[in-house]
Every structure is written in C-alpha cells, then in structure tokens.
Amino acid sequence: MAITREEVLHVAKLAQLALTEEEIAQLTDELGKILEAVSVVAELDLADVPPTPHPLDLVNVWDEDTPRASLLLEDVLANAPEVEDGFFRVPAWRQ
C-alpha cells in the first residue's frame, strides 16, 4: 500500500508541521514502507489466533488513591512562561 505526497502533506497540516521538500519525499518513502510491512501482516490467516490485549503480562503498579493536599497555585505557575489571572496563558489554537 503506497502513501501519496498529498496524504503526507495532509497529515503534516493536521499535525501543524512545516516540512521541506526533502522531508516530504523522505516521509513519503518511509511511511510507504511501513504500510507495506503492515499489509503483509494483514494477509496472514489469523482466524485461530485469540486476541491479545498486550504481549506482556502487566500488573497495575499504581498507588492507592488517597486524598492529599494540592500544590500551591504559586508553585504550579512558577515555571509558566506566561500567567494571566492565575491561569497558564497559551497561544490561541489555529486551524
């Protein structure tokens, strides 16, 4: 399965990435190779293979959810580049 230059540009636009012509060509080639590798797996007969949620047995390692004091607002905002009325000031999102 090949990916087109236009599809790479579309994804780059969604991710708000500015790509050079060289990067566009490189990504088109690399993503095409990835899609080809994945399509090989899609051709396998996996009807008798049970679904696997994760290849490793994982155990929840979270601590108990116990109430505790929150951080002070001054400490939270201490390293923020910009603060306005006790909130983080961030640039407006552009589409």
C-alpha atoms as a PDB file:
ATOM      1  CA  MET A   1       0.000   0.000   0.000  1.00  0.00           C
ATOM      2  CA  ALA A   2       1.562   3.267  -1.082  1.00  0.00           C
ATOM      3  CA  ILE A   3       1.084   6.647   0.504  1.00  0.00           C
ATOM      4  CA  THR A   4       0.888   9.723  -1.674  1.00  0.00           C
ATOM      5  CA  ARG A   5       2.662  13.022  -1.319  1.00  0.00           C
ATOM      6  CA  GLU A   6      -0.736  14.668  -0.824  1.00  0.00           C
ATOM      7  CA  GLU A   7      -1.529  12.339   2.089  1.00  0.00           C
ATOM      8  CA  VAL A   8       1.799  13.187   3.738  1.00  0.00           C
ATOM      9  CA  LEU A   9       1.053  16.893   3.291  1.00  0.00           C
ATOM     10  CA  HIS A  10      -2.450  16.412   4.737  1.00  0.00           C
ATOM     11  CA  VAL A  11      -1.099  14.668   7.849  1.00  0.00           C
ATOM     12  CA  ALA A  12       1.620  17.315   8.200  1.00  0.00           C
ATOM     13  CA  LYS A  13      -1.037  20.037   8.062  1.00  0.00           C
ATOM     14  CA  LEU A  14      -3.124  18.280  10.732  1.00  0.00           C
ATOM     15  CA  ALA A  15      -0.016  17.985  12.935  1.00  0.00           C
ATOM     16  CA  GLN A  16       0.909  21.599  12.157  1.00  0.00           C
ATOM     17  CA  LEU A  17       4.302  20.545  10.787  1.00  0.00           C
ATOM     18  CA  ALA A  18       6.261  22.589   8.291  1.00  0.00           C
ATOM     19  CA  LEU A  19       8.140  20.128   6.086  1.00  0.00           C
ATOM     20  CA  THR A  20      10.818  20.752   3.493  1.00  0.00           C
ATOM     21  CA  GLU A  21      10.591  19.114   0.081  1.00  0.00           C
ATOM     22  CA  GLU A  22      13.326  16.711   1.171  1.00  0.00           C
ATOM     23  CA  GLU A  23      11.382  15.745   4.325  1.00  0.00           C
ATOM     24  CA  ILE A  24       8.183  15.249   2.329  1.00  0.00           C
ATOM     25  CA  ALA A  25       9.973  12.895  -0.071  1.00  0.00           C
ATOM     26  CA  GLN A  26      11.659  11.028   2.799  1.00  0.00           C
ATOM     27  CA  LEU A  27       8.422  10.634   4.769  1.00  0.00           C
ATOM     28  CA  THR A  28       6.503   9.518   1.700  1.00  0.00           C
ATOM     29  CA  ASP A  29       9.082   6.771   1.152  1.00  0.00           C
ATOM     30  CA  GLU A  30       9.371   5.740   4.824  1.00  0.00           C
ATOM     31  CA  LEU A  31       5.623   5.734   5.518  1.00  0.00           C
ATOM     32  CA  GLY A  32       5.057   3.757   2.324  1.00  0.00           C
ATOM     33  CA  LYS A  33       7.496   1.098   3.541  1.00  0.00           C
ATOM     34  CA  ILE A  34       5.757   0.957   6.930  1.00  0.00           C
ATOM     35  CA  LEU A  35       2.364   0.497   5.283  1.00  0.00           C
ATOM     36  CA  GLU A  36       3.783  -2.263   3.073  1.00  0.00           C
ATOM     37  CA  ALA A  37       5.121  -4.097   6.139  1.00  0.00           C
ATOM     38  CA  VAL A  38       1.770  -3.811   7.899  1.00  0.00           C
ATOM     39  CA  SER A  39      -0.080  -5.062   4.823  1.00  0.00           C
ATOM     40  CA  VAL A  40       1.986  -8.281   4.966  1.00  0.00           C
ATOM     41  CA  VAL A  41       0.579  -8.947   8.441  1.00  0.00           C
ATOM     42  CA  ALA A  42      -2.931  -8.272   7.153  1.00  0.00           C
ATOM     43  CA  GLU A  43      -2.525 -11.112   4.651  1.00  0.00           C
ATOM     44  CA  LEU A  44      -1.962 -13.713   7.394  1.00  0.00           C
ATOM     45  CA  ASP A  45      -4.724 -16.145   8.346  1.00  0.00           C
ATOM     46  CA  LEU A  46      -5.286 -15.256  11.996  1.00  0.00           C
ATOM     47  CA  ALA A  47      -8.718 -16.828  12.412  1.00  0.00           C
ATOM     48  CA  ASP A  48      -7.476 -19.266  15.095  1.00  0.00           C
ATOM     49  CA  VAL A  49      -5.326 -16.723  16.951  1.00  0.00           C
ATOM     50  CA  PRO A  50      -7.017 -15.343  20.072  1.00  0.00           C
ATOM     51  CA  PRO A  51      -6.950 -11.572  20.583  1.00  0.00           C
ATOM     52  CA  THR A  52      -4.033 -10.418  22.692  1.00  0.00           C
ATOM     53  CA  PRO A  53      -4.555  -7.194  24.615  1.00  0.00           C
ATOM     54  CA  HIS A  54      -0.842  -6.899  25.378  1.00  0.00           C
ATOM     55  CA  PRO A  55       2.150  -9.122  24.649  1.00  0.00           C
ATOM     56  CA  LEU A  56       3.368  -8.916  28.257  1.00  0.00           C
ATOM     57  CA  ASP A  57       1.530  -9.657  31.484  1.00  0.00           C
ATOM     58  CA  LEU A  58       1.132  -6.281  33.122  1.00  0.00           C
ATOM     59  CA  VAL A  59       0.246  -5.590  36.725  1.00  0.00           C
ATOM     60  CA  ASN A  60      -1.249  -2.327  37.875  1.00  0.00           C
ATOM     61  CA  VAL A  61       1.501  -0.575  39.816  1.00  0.00           C
ATOM     62  CA  TRP A  62      -0.475   2.499  40.812  1.00  0.00           C
ATOM     63  CA  ASP A  63      -0.589   3.685  44.403  1.00  0.00           C
ATOM     64  CA  GLU A  64      -3.837   3.772  46.309  1.00  0.00           C
ATOM     65  CA  ASP A  65      -5.947   6.809  45.504  1.00  0.00           C
ATOM     66  CA  THR A  66      -5.714   8.703  48.765  1.00  0.00           C
ATOM     67  CA  PRO A  67      -6.589  12.365  49.235  1.00  0.00           C
ATOM     68  CA  ARG A  68      -3.716  14.730  49.935  1.00  0.00           C
ATOM     69  CA  ALA A  69      -3.004  18.432  49.813  1.00  0.00           C
ATOM     70  CA  SER A  70      -2.812  20.078  46.404  1.00  0.00           C
ATOM     71  CA  LEU A  71       0.143  22.073  45.180  1.00  0.00           C
ATOM     72  CA  LEU A  72       0.111  25.776  45.907  1.00  0.00           C
ATOM     73  CA  LEU A  73      -1.003  27.830  42.906  1.00  0.00           C
ATOM     74  CA  GLU A  74       2.213  29.868  43.091  1.00  0.00           C
ATOM     75  CA  ASP A  75       4.274  26.659  42.830  1.00  0.00           C
ATOM     76  CA  VAL A  76       2.208  25.383  39.897  1.00  0.00           C
ATOM     77  CA  LEU A  77       2.603  28.616  37.946  1.00  0.00           C
ATOM     78  CA  ALA A  78       6.224  29.266  38.973  1.00  0.00           C
ATOM     79  CA  ASN A  79       7.771  27.997  35.714  1.00  0.00           C
ATOM     80  CA  ALA A  80       4.988  29.028  33.352  1.00  0.00           C
ATOM     81  CA  PRO A  81       6.246  31.278  30.542  1.00  0.00           C
ATOM     82  CA  GLU A  82       3.124  33.437  30.850  1.00  0.00           C
ATOM     83  CA  VAL A  83       0.433  33.709  33.542  1.00  0.00           C
ATOM     84  CA  GLU A  84      -2.825  35.620  33.397  1.00  0.00           C
ATOM     85  CA  ASP A  85      -5.336  35.881  36.276  1.00  0.00           C
ATOM     86  CA  GLY A  86      -3.975  32.758  37.965  1.00  0.00           C
ATOM     87  CA  PHE A  87      -4.054  30.613  34.798  1.00  0.00           C
ATOM     88  CA  PHE A  88      -1.498  29.458  32.240  1.00  0.00           C
ATOM     89  CA  ARG A  89      -1.579  31.791  29.253  1.00  0.00           C
ATOM     90  CA  VAL A  90      -1.188  29.885  25.994  1.00  0.00           C
ATOM     91  CA  PRO A  91      -1.390  30.932  22.352  1.00  0.00           C
ATOM     92  CA  ALA A  92      -4.773  30.609  20.680  1.00  0.00           C
ATOM     93  CA  TRP A  93      -5.172  27.394  18.713  1.00  0.00           C
ATOM     94  CA  ARG A  94      -5.087  27.937  14.946  1.00  0.00           C
ATOM     95  CA  GLN A  95      -6.507  25.539  12.421  1.00  0.00           C
END
